[in-house]
Amino acid sequence: MTVVTYSRFQQLKHLIKLHNWQFDGKPHAVPYGFKADITDGITKVHVTFYDTGKTLIQGAPGDLKNAIEAWERHREDVPESEE
């Protein structure tokens, strides 16, 4: 995991804690990145951070996915030096 990928994962952990969500299973390395499954107790979302900087968010439509996608859009709007 690159330093940038690790930093983004730490930010996601903070978001999870703020919303009282949980990891569904243990976050783990995947080829060229890192994957975490997150649940709000109703739905599950898969978030994969790739070493290239790309983030893939997959899962059923709903409040959890919308919130994570909004967080990611905001994160993309902020230059990395301000994160």
N, C-alpha and C. Protein backbone atom coordinates (compact mmCIF):
# COMPACT_ATOMS: atom_id res chain seq x y z
N MET A 1 0.85 -1.17 0.00
CA MET A 1 0.00 0.00 0.00
C MET A 1 0.90 1.23 0.00
N THR A 2 0.57 2.17 -0.88
CA THR A 2 1.37 3.39 -0.95
C THR A 2 0.98 4.31 0.21
N VAL A 3 1.78 5.34 0.42
CA VAL A 3 1.50 6.31 1.47
C VAL A 3 0.17 7.01 1.21
N VAL A 4 -0.10 7.35 -0.05
CA VAL A 4 -1.35 8.02 -0.41
C VAL A 4 -2.54 7.10 -0.16
N THR A 5 -2.42 5.83 -0.56
CA THR A 5 -3.50 4.87 -0.33
C THR A 5 -3.75 4.71 1.16
N TYR A 6 -2.69 4.62 1.94
CA TYR A 6 -2.82 4.49 3.40
C TYR A 6 -3.52 5.71 3.99
N SER A 7 -3.15 6.90 3.54
CA SER A 7 -3.75 8.14 4.03
C SER A 7 -5.24 8.17 3.72
N ARG A 8 -5.62 7.77 2.52
CA ARG A 8 -7.03 7.75 2.14
C ARG A 8 -7.80 6.73 2.97
N PHE A 9 -7.18 5.59 3.25
CA PHE A 9 -7.82 4.58 4.08
C PHE A 9 -8.03 5.11 5.50
N GLN A 10 -7.06 5.84 6.03
CA GLN A 10 -7.21 6.42 7.36
C GLN A 10 -8.35 7.43 7.39
N GLN A 11 -8.50 8.21 6.33
CA GLN A 11 -9.61 9.15 6.24
C GLN A 11 -10.94 8.42 6.20
N LEU A 12 -11.00 7.31 5.47
CA LEU A 12 -12.22 6.51 5.42
C LEU A 12 -12.55 5.95 6.80
N LYS A 13 -11.54 5.49 7.54
CA LYS A 13 -11.78 4.98 8.89
C LYS A 13 -12.40 6.06 9.77
N HIS A 14 -11.95 7.28 9.61
CA HIS A 14 -12.50 8.40 10.38
C HIS A 14 -13.97 8.61 10.01
N LEU A 15 -14.29 8.57 8.72
CA LEU A 15 -15.66 8.72 8.26
C LEU A 15 -16.55 7.62 8.83
N ILE A 16 -16.06 6.40 8.83
CA ILE A 16 -16.81 5.26 9.37
C ILE A 16 -17.12 5.49 10.85
N LYS A 17 -16.14 5.96 11.59
CA LYS A 17 -16.33 6.20 13.02
C LYS A 17 -17.35 7.32 13.26
N LEU A 18 -17.28 8.39 12.47
CA LEU A 18 -18.21 9.51 12.61
C LEU A 18 -19.66 9.08 12.43
N HIS A 19 -19.90 8.14 11.53
CA HIS A 19 -21.26 7.72 11.20
C HIS A 19 -21.70 6.44 11.92
N ASN A 20 -20.85 5.91 12.78
CA ASN A 20 -21.14 4.66 13.48
C ASN A 20 -21.39 3.50 12.52
N TRP A 21 -20.69 3.51 11.39
CA TRP A 21 -20.72 2.37 10.47
C TRP A 21 -19.70 1.37 10.96
N GLN A 22 -19.59 0.25 10.26
CA GLN A 22 -18.62 -0.77 10.64
C GLN A 22 -17.99 -1.39 9.40
N PHE A 23 -16.80 -1.92 9.60
CA PHE A 23 -16.20 -2.75 8.56
C PHE A 23 -16.93 -4.09 8.58
N ASP A 24 -17.22 -4.62 7.41
CA ASP A 24 -17.83 -5.94 7.28
C ASP A 24 -16.69 -6.87 6.86
N GLY A 25 -16.06 -7.47 7.84
CA GLY A 25 -14.85 -8.25 7.57
C GLY A 25 -13.63 -7.36 7.72
N LYS A 26 -12.50 -7.94 7.48
CA LYS A 26 -11.24 -7.23 7.65
C LYS A 26 -10.80 -6.57 6.34
N PRO A 27 -10.47 -5.26 6.36
CA PRO A 27 -9.93 -4.64 5.15
C PRO A 27 -8.67 -5.39 4.72
N HIS A 28 -8.44 -5.47 3.42
CA HIS A 28 -7.33 -6.28 2.93
C HIS A 28 -6.75 -5.73 1.63
N ALA A 29 -5.52 -6.14 1.38
CA ALA A 29 -4.84 -5.76 0.15
C ALA A 29 -5.43 -6.53 -1.02
N VAL A 30 -5.50 -5.86 -2.15
CA VAL A 30 -5.88 -6.47 -3.42
C VAL A 30 -4.79 -6.08 -4.41
N PRO A 31 -4.73 -6.73 -5.58
CA PRO A 31 -3.71 -6.32 -6.54
C PRO A 31 -3.78 -4.81 -6.83
N TYR A 32 -2.70 -4.14 -6.59
CA TYR A 32 -2.56 -2.71 -6.87
C TYR A 32 -3.43 -1.82 -6.00
N GLY A 33 -3.80 -2.28 -4.80
CA GLY A 33 -4.61 -1.42 -3.96
C GLY A 33 -5.02 -2.05 -2.64
N PHE A 34 -6.13 -1.53 -2.12
CA PHE A 34 -6.61 -1.91 -0.80
C PHE A 34 -8.13 -1.85 -0.82
N LYS A 35 -8.79 -2.85 -0.24
CA LYS A 35 -10.25 -2.93 -0.28
C LYS A 35 -10.83 -3.05 1.12
N ALA A 36 -11.96 -2.36 1.32
CA ALA A 36 -12.70 -2.44 2.57
C ALA A 36 -14.18 -2.56 2.26
N ASP A 37 -14.85 -3.43 2.99
CA ASP A 37 -16.30 -3.56 2.91
C ASP A 37 -16.88 -2.87 4.14
N ILE A 38 -17.85 -2.00 3.91
CA ILE A 38 -18.42 -1.18 4.98
C ILE A 38 -19.92 -1.43 5.04
N THR A 39 -20.46 -1.47 6.25
CA THR A 39 -21.90 -1.64 6.41
C THR A 39 -22.45 -0.63 7.40
N ASP A 40 -23.71 -0.27 7.16
CA ASP A 40 -24.42 0.58 8.10
C ASP A 40 -25.46 -0.25 8.86
N GLY A 41 -25.38 -1.56 8.71
CA GLY A 41 -26.33 -2.46 9.34
C GLY A 41 -27.48 -2.82 8.43
N ILE A 42 -27.60 -2.09 7.32
CA ILE A 42 -28.67 -2.36 6.35
C ILE A 42 -28.08 -2.77 5.01
N THR A 43 -27.17 -1.95 4.51
CA THR A 43 -26.54 -2.23 3.22
C THR A 43 -25.03 -2.37 3.40
N LYS A 44 -24.38 -2.86 2.34
CA LYS A 44 -22.92 -3.02 2.35
C LYS A 44 -22.36 -2.35 1.10
N VAL A 45 -21.25 -1.67 1.27
CA VAL A 45 -20.55 -1.00 0.17
C VAL A 45 -19.11 -1.47 0.17
N HIS A 46 -18.59 -1.72 -1.03
CA HIS A 46 -17.20 -2.12 -1.22
C HIS A 46 -16.43 -0.88 -1.71
N VAL A 47 -15.36 -0.53 -1.01
CA VAL A 47 -14.53 0.60 -1.40
C VAL A 47 -13.13 0.08 -1.66
N THR A 48 -12.63 0.33 -2.88
CA THR A 48 -11.28 -0.08 -3.25
C THR A 48 -10.48 1.15 -3.61
N PHE A 49 -9.35 1.34 -2.93
CA PHE A 49 -8.41 2.41 -3.25
C PHE A 49 -7.28 1.78 -4.05
N TYR A 50 -7.04 2.30 -5.25
CA TYR A 50 -5.94 1.79 -6.07
C TYR A 50 -4.73 2.69 -5.94
N ASP A 51 -3.56 2.09 -6.09
CA ASP A 51 -2.30 2.84 -5.97
C ASP A 51 -2.20 3.96 -7.01
N THR A 52 -2.99 3.89 -8.07
CA THR A 52 -3.00 4.92 -9.11
C THR A 52 -3.72 6.18 -8.67
N GLY A 53 -4.47 6.09 -7.55
CA GLY A 53 -5.25 7.21 -7.07
C GLY A 53 -6.74 7.04 -7.32
N LYS A 54 -7.10 6.09 -8.15
CA LYS A 54 -8.51 5.84 -8.45
C LYS A 54 -9.18 5.16 -7.26
N THR A 55 -10.45 5.51 -7.04
CA THR A 55 -11.26 4.87 -6.01
C THR A 55 -12.48 4.26 -6.68
N LEU A 56 -12.76 3.02 -6.34
CA LEU A 56 -13.92 2.32 -6.86
C LEU A 56 -14.88 2.07 -5.71
N ILE A 57 -16.12 2.57 -5.85
CA ILE A 57 -17.14 2.40 -4.82
C ILE A 57 -18.28 1.59 -5.43
N GLN A 58 -18.55 0.43 -4.84
CA GLN A 58 -19.57 -0.46 -5.37
C GLN A 58 -20.52 -0.88 -4.27
N GLY A 59 -21.76 -1.14 -4.64
CA GLY A 59 -22.73 -1.62 -3.68
C GLY A 59 -24.12 -1.17 -4.04
N ALA A 60 -25.06 -1.60 -3.23
CA ALA A 60 -26.46 -1.26 -3.47
C ALA A 60 -26.68 0.23 -3.28
N PRO A 61 -27.54 0.82 -4.11
CA PRO A 61 -27.87 2.24 -3.91
C PRO A 61 -28.48 2.45 -2.53
N GLY A 62 -28.21 3.58 -1.94
CA GLY A 62 -28.77 3.88 -0.63
C GLY A 62 -27.97 4.97 0.06
N ASP A 63 -28.36 5.24 1.30
CA ASP A 63 -27.72 6.32 2.06
C ASP A 63 -26.22 6.08 2.28
N LEU A 64 -25.84 4.84 2.56
CA LEU A 64 -24.43 4.54 2.82
C LEU A 64 -23.59 4.82 1.58
N LYS A 65 -23.99 4.29 0.46
CA LYS A 65 -23.22 4.50 -0.78
C LYS A 65 -23.20 5.97 -1.15
N ASN A 66 -24.35 6.65 -1.03
CA ASN A 66 -24.40 8.07 -1.36
C ASN A 66 -23.45 8.88 -0.48
N ALA A 67 -23.40 8.58 0.80
CA ALA A 67 -22.52 9.31 1.71
C ALA A 67 -21.05 9.08 1.38
N ILE A 68 -20.68 7.85 1.06
CA ILE A 68 -19.29 7.55 0.73
C ILE A 68 -18.91 8.19 -0.61
N GLU A 69 -19.82 8.16 -1.57
CA GLU A 69 -19.55 8.82 -2.85
C GLU A 69 -19.41 10.33 -2.68
N ALA A 70 -20.24 10.94 -1.83
CA ALA A 70 -20.13 12.38 -1.56
C ALA A 70 -18.80 12.70 -0.90
N TRP A 71 -18.40 11.86 0.06
CA TRP A 71 -17.10 12.04 0.73
C TRP A 71 -15.97 11.96 -0.30
N GLU A 72 -16.05 11.01 -1.19
CA GLU A 72 -15.00 10.84 -2.21
C GLU A 72 -14.98 12.03 -3.17
N ARG A 73 -16.14 12.53 -3.58
CA ARG A 73 -16.19 13.70 -4.47
C ARG A 73 -15.55 14.90 -3.78
N HIS A 74 -15.87 15.11 -2.51
CA HIS A 74 -15.29 16.23 -1.77
C HIS A 74 -13.77 16.06 -1.65
N ARG A 75 -13.34 14.84 -1.38
CA ARG A 75 -11.92 14.56 -1.25
C ARG A 75 -11.19 14.86 -2.54
N GLU A 76 -11.82 14.57 -3.69
CA GLU A 76 -11.20 14.84 -4.98
C GLU A 76 -11.08 16.32 -5.25
N ASP A 77 -11.97 17.14 -4.64
CA ASP A 77 -11.97 18.58 -4.85
C ASP A 77 -10.91 19.29 -4.02
N VAL A 78 -10.37 18.61 -3.01
CA VAL A 78 -9.39 19.21 -2.11
C VAL A 78 -7.99 18.79 -2.54
N PRO A 79 -7.12 19.77 -2.83
CA PRO A 79 -5.74 19.39 -3.17
C PRO A 79 -5.11 18.58 -2.04
N GLU A 80 -4.28 17.60 -2.41
CA GLU A 80 -3.73 16.67 -1.43
C GLU A 80 -2.98 17.36 -0.30
N SER A 81 -2.36 18.52 -0.57
CA SER A 81 -1.63 19.21 0.49
C SER A 81 -2.56 19.79 1.55
N GLU A 82 -3.87 19.90 1.26
CA GLU A 82 -4.81 20.45 2.24
C GLU A 82 -5.54 19.36 3.00
N GLU A 83 -5.36 18.09 2.66
CA GLU A 83 -6.08 17.00 3.33
C GLU A 83 -5.58 16.79 4.73
